[in-house]
Amino acid sequence: MQKMTKRTKDYEEYFVNMTKMAENDLIEIVDFIAQERPQTAKKVMERIRAKVYSLDHFPERGGYVPELLARNIKTYRQLIELPWKIIYRVDGKTVNILAIVDSRRNLQDILIKKLLK
């Protein structure tokens, strides 16, 4: 009986770039939570950052943003880290994180204002 070995496949690697706008969004989220729950704020920041940097492989796995798809805009994708949406765009080998928004808010207006200036 031949022993099977697990073969590791090489996957393309992408550079993940947090834009200033997305960094500011994350700071606002963490600062707001930290006012009443500092430990929770730290955990939220770590969860969001982990999700963001997981895009270094397979960035197309995120779905299109429904609020923008309604306007036939397929340039942007999203990952969900409830209740936040991480909005990004893949440009060649770079994943640009453009915004981190609370999905409980009116996203269409927020995204149009942030992304389509």
N, C-alpha and C. Protein backbone atom coordinates (compact mmCIF):
# COMPACT_ATOMS: atom_id res chain seq x y z
N MET A 1 0.85 -1.18 0.00
CA MET A 1 0.00 0.00 0.00
C MET A 1 0.89 1.24 0.00
N GLN A 2 0.64 2.14 -0.93
CA GLN A 2 1.47 3.33 -1.05
C GLN A 2 0.95 4.43 -0.13
N LYS A 3 1.87 5.08 0.55
CA LYS A 3 1.52 6.16 1.46
C LYS A 3 1.19 7.42 0.65
N MET A 4 0.07 8.04 0.96
CA MET A 4 -0.33 9.26 0.25
C MET A 4 0.22 10.46 1.00
N THR A 5 0.82 11.35 0.30
CA THR A 5 1.31 12.57 0.91
C THR A 5 0.47 13.74 0.42
N LYS A 6 0.29 14.66 1.29
CA LYS A 6 -0.49 15.84 0.94
C LYS A 6 0.42 16.79 0.15
N ARG A 7 -0.03 17.14 -1.01
CA ARG A 7 0.74 18.04 -1.86
C ARG A 7 0.20 19.45 -1.68
N THR A 8 1.09 20.37 -1.41
CA THR A 8 0.70 21.76 -1.25
C THR A 8 0.76 22.45 -2.59
N LYS A 9 -0.34 23.04 -2.97
CA LYS A 9 -0.40 23.75 -4.25
C LYS A 9 0.00 25.21 -4.01
N ASP A 10 0.74 25.74 -4.94
CA ASP A 10 1.09 27.15 -4.86
C ASP A 10 -0.07 27.98 -5.39
N TYR A 11 -0.49 28.94 -4.60
CA TYR A 11 -1.57 29.83 -4.99
C TYR A 11 -1.01 31.22 -5.20
N GLU A 12 -1.65 31.95 -6.10
CA GLU A 12 -1.22 33.31 -6.33
C GLU A 12 -1.39 34.13 -5.06
N GLU A 13 -0.47 35.03 -4.85
CA GLU A 13 -0.55 35.89 -3.67
C GLU A 13 -0.79 37.32 -4.12
N TYR A 14 -1.66 38.00 -3.41
CA TYR A 14 -2.02 39.37 -3.71
C TYR A 14 -1.54 40.27 -2.58
N PHE A 15 -1.27 41.50 -2.92
CA PHE A 15 -0.91 42.50 -1.92
C PHE A 15 -2.19 43.16 -1.44
N VAL A 16 -2.40 43.19 -0.13
CA VAL A 16 -3.59 43.80 0.44
C VAL A 16 -3.22 45.20 0.92
N ASN A 17 -3.92 46.19 0.38
CA ASN A 17 -3.66 47.59 0.70
C ASN A 17 -4.88 48.19 1.40
N MET A 18 -4.69 48.58 2.66
CA MET A 18 -5.74 49.28 3.40
C MET A 18 -5.63 50.76 3.04
N THR A 19 -6.63 51.30 2.36
CA THR A 19 -6.61 52.71 2.02
C THR A 19 -6.82 53.54 3.29
N LYS A 20 -6.48 54.80 3.19
CA LYS A 20 -6.65 55.71 4.33
C LYS A 20 -8.13 55.77 4.75
N MET A 21 -9.02 55.77 3.76
CA MET A 21 -10.45 55.82 4.06
C MET A 21 -10.88 54.58 4.87
N ALA A 22 -10.40 53.41 4.48
CA ALA A 22 -10.76 52.19 5.20
C ALA A 22 -10.14 52.18 6.60
N GLU A 23 -8.89 52.64 6.71
CA GLU A 23 -8.25 52.74 8.03
C GLU A 23 -9.06 53.66 8.94
N ASN A 24 -9.50 54.79 8.41
CA ASN A 24 -10.32 55.72 9.19
C ASN A 24 -11.64 55.08 9.61
N ASP A 25 -12.24 54.31 8.71
CA ASP A 25 -13.48 53.60 9.06
C ASP A 25 -13.24 52.65 10.23
N LEU A 26 -12.14 51.89 10.16
CA LEU A 26 -11.83 50.93 11.22
C LEU A 26 -11.57 51.65 12.55
N ILE A 27 -10.84 52.75 12.50
CA ILE A 27 -10.57 53.52 13.72
C ILE A 27 -11.87 54.02 14.34
N GLU A 28 -12.78 54.53 13.52
CA GLU A 28 -14.07 55.01 14.01
C GLU A 28 -14.86 53.89 14.67
N ILE A 29 -14.88 52.72 14.06
CA ILE A 29 -15.60 51.57 14.61
C ILE A 29 -15.02 51.20 15.96
N VAL A 30 -13.70 51.05 16.02
CA VAL A 30 -13.03 50.62 17.25
C VAL A 30 -13.19 51.67 18.34
N ASP A 31 -13.02 52.94 18.00
CA ASP A 31 -13.16 54.01 19.00
C ASP A 31 -14.57 54.04 19.57
N PHE A 32 -15.57 53.85 18.72
CA PHE A 32 -16.96 53.87 19.18
C PHE A 32 -17.22 52.72 20.17
N ILE A 33 -16.77 51.53 19.82
CA ILE A 33 -16.98 50.37 20.71
C ILE A 33 -16.18 50.53 21.99
N ALA A 34 -14.98 51.05 21.89
CA ALA A 34 -14.08 51.18 23.05
C ALA A 34 -14.62 52.12 24.12
N GLN A 35 -15.52 53.01 23.76
CA GLN A 35 -16.09 53.93 24.75
C GLN A 35 -16.75 53.16 25.89
N GLU A 36 -17.35 52.03 25.58
CA GLU A 36 -18.04 51.25 26.62
C GLU A 36 -17.44 49.87 26.84
N ARG A 37 -16.74 49.33 25.81
CA ARG A 37 -16.20 47.97 25.94
C ARG A 37 -14.83 47.86 25.26
N PRO A 38 -13.80 48.30 25.94
CA PRO A 38 -12.46 48.31 25.36
C PRO A 38 -11.96 46.92 24.90
N GLN A 39 -12.23 45.90 25.66
CA GLN A 39 -11.78 44.55 25.28
C GLN A 39 -12.50 44.07 24.02
N THR A 40 -13.77 44.36 23.94
CA THR A 40 -14.54 43.98 22.75
C THR A 40 -14.01 44.74 21.53
N ALA A 41 -13.68 46.00 21.73
CA ALA A 41 -13.16 46.81 20.62
C ALA A 41 -11.89 46.19 20.05
N LYS A 42 -11.02 45.74 20.92
CA LYS A 42 -9.77 45.11 20.47
C LYS A 42 -10.06 43.84 19.68
N LYS A 43 -10.99 43.03 20.15
CA LYS A 43 -11.35 41.79 19.46
C LYS A 43 -11.97 42.07 18.10
N VAL A 44 -12.82 43.09 18.03
CA VAL A 44 -13.45 43.47 16.77
C VAL A 44 -12.38 43.90 15.77
N MET A 45 -11.44 44.72 16.22
CA MET A 45 -10.37 45.17 15.34
C MET A 45 -9.57 43.97 14.81
N GLU A 46 -9.25 43.03 15.68
CA GLU A 46 -8.49 41.85 15.27
C GLU A 46 -9.28 41.00 14.27
N ARG A 47 -10.58 40.84 14.50
CA ARG A 47 -11.42 40.06 13.57
C ARG A 47 -11.49 40.71 12.20
N ILE A 48 -11.70 42.02 12.19
CA ILE A 48 -11.81 42.72 10.91
C ILE A 48 -10.47 42.67 10.17
N ARG A 49 -9.38 42.94 10.87
CA ARG A 49 -8.06 42.91 10.23
C ARG A 49 -7.74 41.50 9.69
N ALA A 50 -8.08 40.46 10.44
CA ALA A 50 -7.85 39.08 9.97
C ALA A 50 -8.63 38.82 8.69
N LYS A 51 -9.87 39.28 8.65
CA LYS A 51 -10.71 39.09 7.45
C LYS A 51 -10.10 39.86 6.28
N VAL A 52 -9.68 41.09 6.53
CA VAL A 52 -9.08 41.91 5.47
C VAL A 52 -7.86 41.22 4.89
N TYR A 53 -6.94 40.80 5.75
CA TYR A 53 -5.68 40.25 5.26
C TYR A 53 -5.82 38.81 4.75
N SER A 54 -6.98 38.21 4.96
CA SER A 54 -7.23 36.89 4.37
C SER A 54 -7.43 37.00 2.86
N LEU A 55 -7.58 38.21 2.38
CA LEU A 55 -7.78 38.43 0.94
C LEU A 55 -6.49 38.31 0.14
N ASP A 56 -5.38 38.00 0.81
CA ASP A 56 -4.11 37.86 0.09
C ASP A 56 -4.11 36.63 -0.82
N HIS A 57 -5.06 35.74 -0.63
CA HIS A 57 -5.29 34.59 -1.51
C HIS A 57 -6.78 34.57 -1.85
N PHE A 58 -7.12 34.32 -3.08
CA PHE A 58 -8.51 34.20 -3.54
C PHE A 58 -9.37 35.44 -3.25
N PRO A 59 -8.94 36.62 -3.65
CA PRO A 59 -9.75 37.82 -3.36
C PRO A 59 -11.10 37.84 -4.08
N GLU A 60 -11.24 37.05 -5.14
CA GLU A 60 -12.52 37.04 -5.85
C GLU A 60 -13.61 36.28 -5.09
N ARG A 61 -13.26 35.70 -3.96
CA ARG A 61 -14.27 34.93 -3.22
C ARG A 61 -15.36 35.82 -2.62
N GLY A 62 -15.06 37.09 -2.43
CA GLY A 62 -16.07 38.01 -1.92
C GLY A 62 -17.09 38.30 -3.00
N GLY A 63 -18.32 38.43 -2.59
CA GLY A 63 -19.39 38.69 -3.56
C GLY A 63 -19.46 40.15 -3.96
N TYR A 64 -20.21 40.40 -5.02
CA TYR A 64 -20.45 41.77 -5.41
C TYR A 64 -21.27 42.46 -4.34
N VAL A 65 -21.18 43.77 -4.27
CA VAL A 65 -21.91 44.56 -3.28
C VAL A 65 -23.33 44.78 -3.81
N PRO A 66 -24.34 44.17 -3.15
CA PRO A 66 -25.72 44.25 -3.67
C PRO A 66 -26.21 45.68 -3.87
N GLU A 67 -25.84 46.58 -2.96
CA GLU A 67 -26.29 47.97 -3.06
C GLU A 67 -25.73 48.65 -4.31
N LEU A 68 -24.58 48.22 -4.77
CA LEU A 68 -24.00 48.78 -5.99
C LEU A 68 -24.42 47.97 -7.21
N LEU A 69 -24.59 46.67 -7.02
CA LEU A 69 -25.04 45.81 -8.11
C LEU A 69 -26.40 46.27 -8.62
N ALA A 70 -27.21 46.82 -7.72
CA ALA A 70 -28.52 47.35 -8.11
C ALA A 70 -28.37 48.47 -9.14
N ARG A 71 -27.20 49.10 -9.17
CA ARG A 71 -26.91 50.15 -10.15
C ARG A 71 -25.99 49.62 -11.25
N ASN A 72 -25.90 48.29 -11.34
CA ASN A 72 -25.09 47.59 -12.34
C ASN A 72 -23.59 47.89 -12.20
N ILE A 73 -23.14 48.11 -10.96
CA ILE A 73 -21.72 48.36 -10.69
C ILE A 73 -21.12 47.07 -10.15
N LYS A 74 -20.20 46.48 -10.92
CA LYS A 74 -19.58 45.21 -10.55
C LYS A 74 -18.07 45.36 -10.28
N THR A 75 -17.66 46.56 -10.00
CA THR A 75 -16.24 46.84 -9.78
C THR A 75 -15.81 46.47 -8.36
N TYR A 76 -16.75 46.47 -7.44
CA TYR A 76 -16.44 46.31 -6.03
C TYR A 76 -16.96 44.98 -5.51
N ARG A 77 -16.25 44.46 -4.51
CA ARG A 77 -16.64 43.22 -3.85
C ARG A 77 -16.73 43.48 -2.35
N GLN A 78 -17.26 42.50 -1.64
CA GLN A 78 -17.39 42.64 -0.20
C GLN A 78 -17.13 41.34 0.52
N LEU A 79 -16.62 41.48 1.73
CA LEU A 79 -16.56 40.38 2.69
C LEU A 79 -17.36 40.85 3.90
N ILE A 80 -18.00 39.92 4.55
CA ILE A 80 -18.83 40.25 5.70
C ILE A 80 -18.12 39.80 6.98
N GLU A 81 -18.06 40.71 7.92
CA GLU A 81 -17.67 40.40 9.30
C GLU A 81 -18.74 41.10 10.12
N LEU A 82 -19.84 40.38 10.33
CA LEU A 82 -21.05 40.98 10.90
C LEU A 82 -20.77 41.84 12.12
N PRO A 83 -21.40 43.01 12.16
CA PRO A 83 -22.35 43.59 11.21
C PRO A 83 -21.69 44.47 10.14
N TRP A 84 -20.39 44.32 9.95
CA TRP A 84 -19.68 45.19 9.01
C TRP A 84 -19.46 44.53 7.66
N LYS A 85 -19.39 45.39 6.65
CA LYS A 85 -19.04 44.96 5.31
C LYS A 85 -17.70 45.59 4.96
N ILE A 86 -16.81 44.76 4.47
CA ILE A 86 -15.49 45.21 4.04
C ILE A 86 -15.58 45.32 2.51
N ILE A 87 -15.49 46.53 2.01
CA ILE A 87 -15.65 46.80 0.59
C ILE A 87 -14.26 46.94 -0.03
N TYR A 88 -14.05 46.23 -1.13
CA TYR A 88 -12.74 46.26 -1.76
C TYR A 88 -12.84 46.12 -3.28
N ARG A 89 -11.70 46.39 -3.92
CA ARG A 89 -11.59 46.27 -5.37
C ARG A 89 -10.27 45.58 -5.67
N VAL A 90 -10.28 44.64 -6.59
CA VAL A 90 -9.07 43.95 -7.01
C VAL A 90 -8.52 44.67 -8.24
N ASP A 91 -7.31 45.16 -8.11
CA ASP A 91 -6.62 45.86 -9.20
C ASP A 91 -5.35 45.09 -9.51
N GLY A 92 -5.41 44.21 -10.49
CA GLY A 92 -4.24 43.39 -10.81
C GLY A 92 -3.91 42.47 -9.66
N LYS A 93 -2.72 42.61 -9.10
CA LYS A 93 -2.28 41.77 -7.98
C LYS A 93 -2.43 42.49 -6.64
N THR A 94 -3.20 43.61 -6.64
CA THR A 94 -3.42 44.37 -5.41
C THR A 94 -4.90 44.35 -5.06
N VAL A 95 -5.17 44.12 -3.78
CA VAL A 95 -6.53 44.19 -3.26
C VAL A 95 -6.61 45.48 -2.45
N ASN A 96 -7.36 46.44 -2.95
CA ASN A 96 -7.51 47.72 -2.26
C ASN A 96 -8.76 47.71 -1.39
N ILE A 97 -8.53 47.78 -0.08
CA ILE A 97 -9.64 47.84 0.86
C ILE A 97 -10.09 49.30 0.88
N LEU A 98 -11.34 49.53 0.48
CA LEU A 98 -11.81 50.90 0.27
C LEU A 98 -12.67 51.44 1.40
N ALA A 99 -13.41 50.56 2.06
CA ALA A 99 -14.31 51.03 3.12
C ALA A 99 -14.70 49.86 4.01
N ILE A 100 -15.00 50.20 5.25
CA ILE A 100 -15.55 49.23 6.20
C ILE A 100 -16.77 49.92 6.78
N VAL A 101 -17.94 49.38 6.47
CA VAL A 101 -19.18 50.06 6.84
C VAL A 101 -20.10 49.15 7.62
N ASP A 102 -20.90 49.78 8.46
CA ASP A 102 -21.89 49.06 9.26
C ASP A 102 -23.07 48.73 8.36
N SER A 103 -23.35 47.45 8.21
CA SER A 103 -24.40 47.02 7.28
C SER A 103 -25.80 47.36 7.76
N ARG A 104 -25.93 47.86 8.99
CA ARG A 104 -27.25 48.23 9.50
C ARG A 104 -27.65 49.64 9.06
N ARG A 105 -26.73 50.34 8.43
CA ARG A 105 -27.00 51.70 7.96
C ARG A 105 -27.43 51.69 6.50
N ASN A 106 -27.82 52.85 6.00
CA ASN A 106 -28.23 52.97 4.59
C ASN A 106 -26.98 52.88 3.72
N LEU A 107 -26.66 51.68 3.31
CA LEU A 107 -25.40 51.43 2.61
C LEU A 107 -25.34 52.04 1.23
N GLN A 108 -26.42 52.04 0.53
CA GLN A 108 -26.36 52.54 -0.83
C GLN A 108 -25.86 53.99 -0.85
N ASP A 109 -26.44 54.83 0.00
CA ASP A 109 -26.03 56.23 0.03
C ASP A 109 -24.58 56.38 0.51
N ILE A 110 -24.21 55.62 1.54
CA ILE A 110 -22.85 55.69 2.08
C ILE A 110 -21.83 55.28 1.02
N LEU A 111 -22.09 54.15 0.36
CA LEU A 111 -21.13 53.64 -0.62
C LEU A 111 -21.03 54.54 -1.85
N ILE A 112 -22.14 55.05 -2.29
CA ILE A 112 -22.11 55.95 -3.45
C ILE A 112 -21.26 57.17 -3.09
N LYS A 113 -21.46 57.71 -1.88
CA LYS A 113 -20.71 58.88 -1.46
C LYS A 113 -19.22 58.58 -1.34
N LYS A 114 -18.87 57.42 -0.72
CA LYS A 114 -17.46 57.08 -0.49
C LYS A 114 -16.73 56.62 -1.75
N LEU A 115 -17.38 55.82 -2.56
CA LEU A 115 -16.69 55.16 -3.66
C LEU A 115 -16.82 55.86 -5.00
N LEU A 116 -17.88 56.58 -5.17
CA LEU A 116 -18.14 57.16 -6.50
C LEU A 116 -18.04 58.67 -6.49
N LYS A 117 -17.10 59.19 -5.74
CA LYS A 117 -16.91 60.64 -5.66
C LYS A 117 -16.55 61.21 -7.01
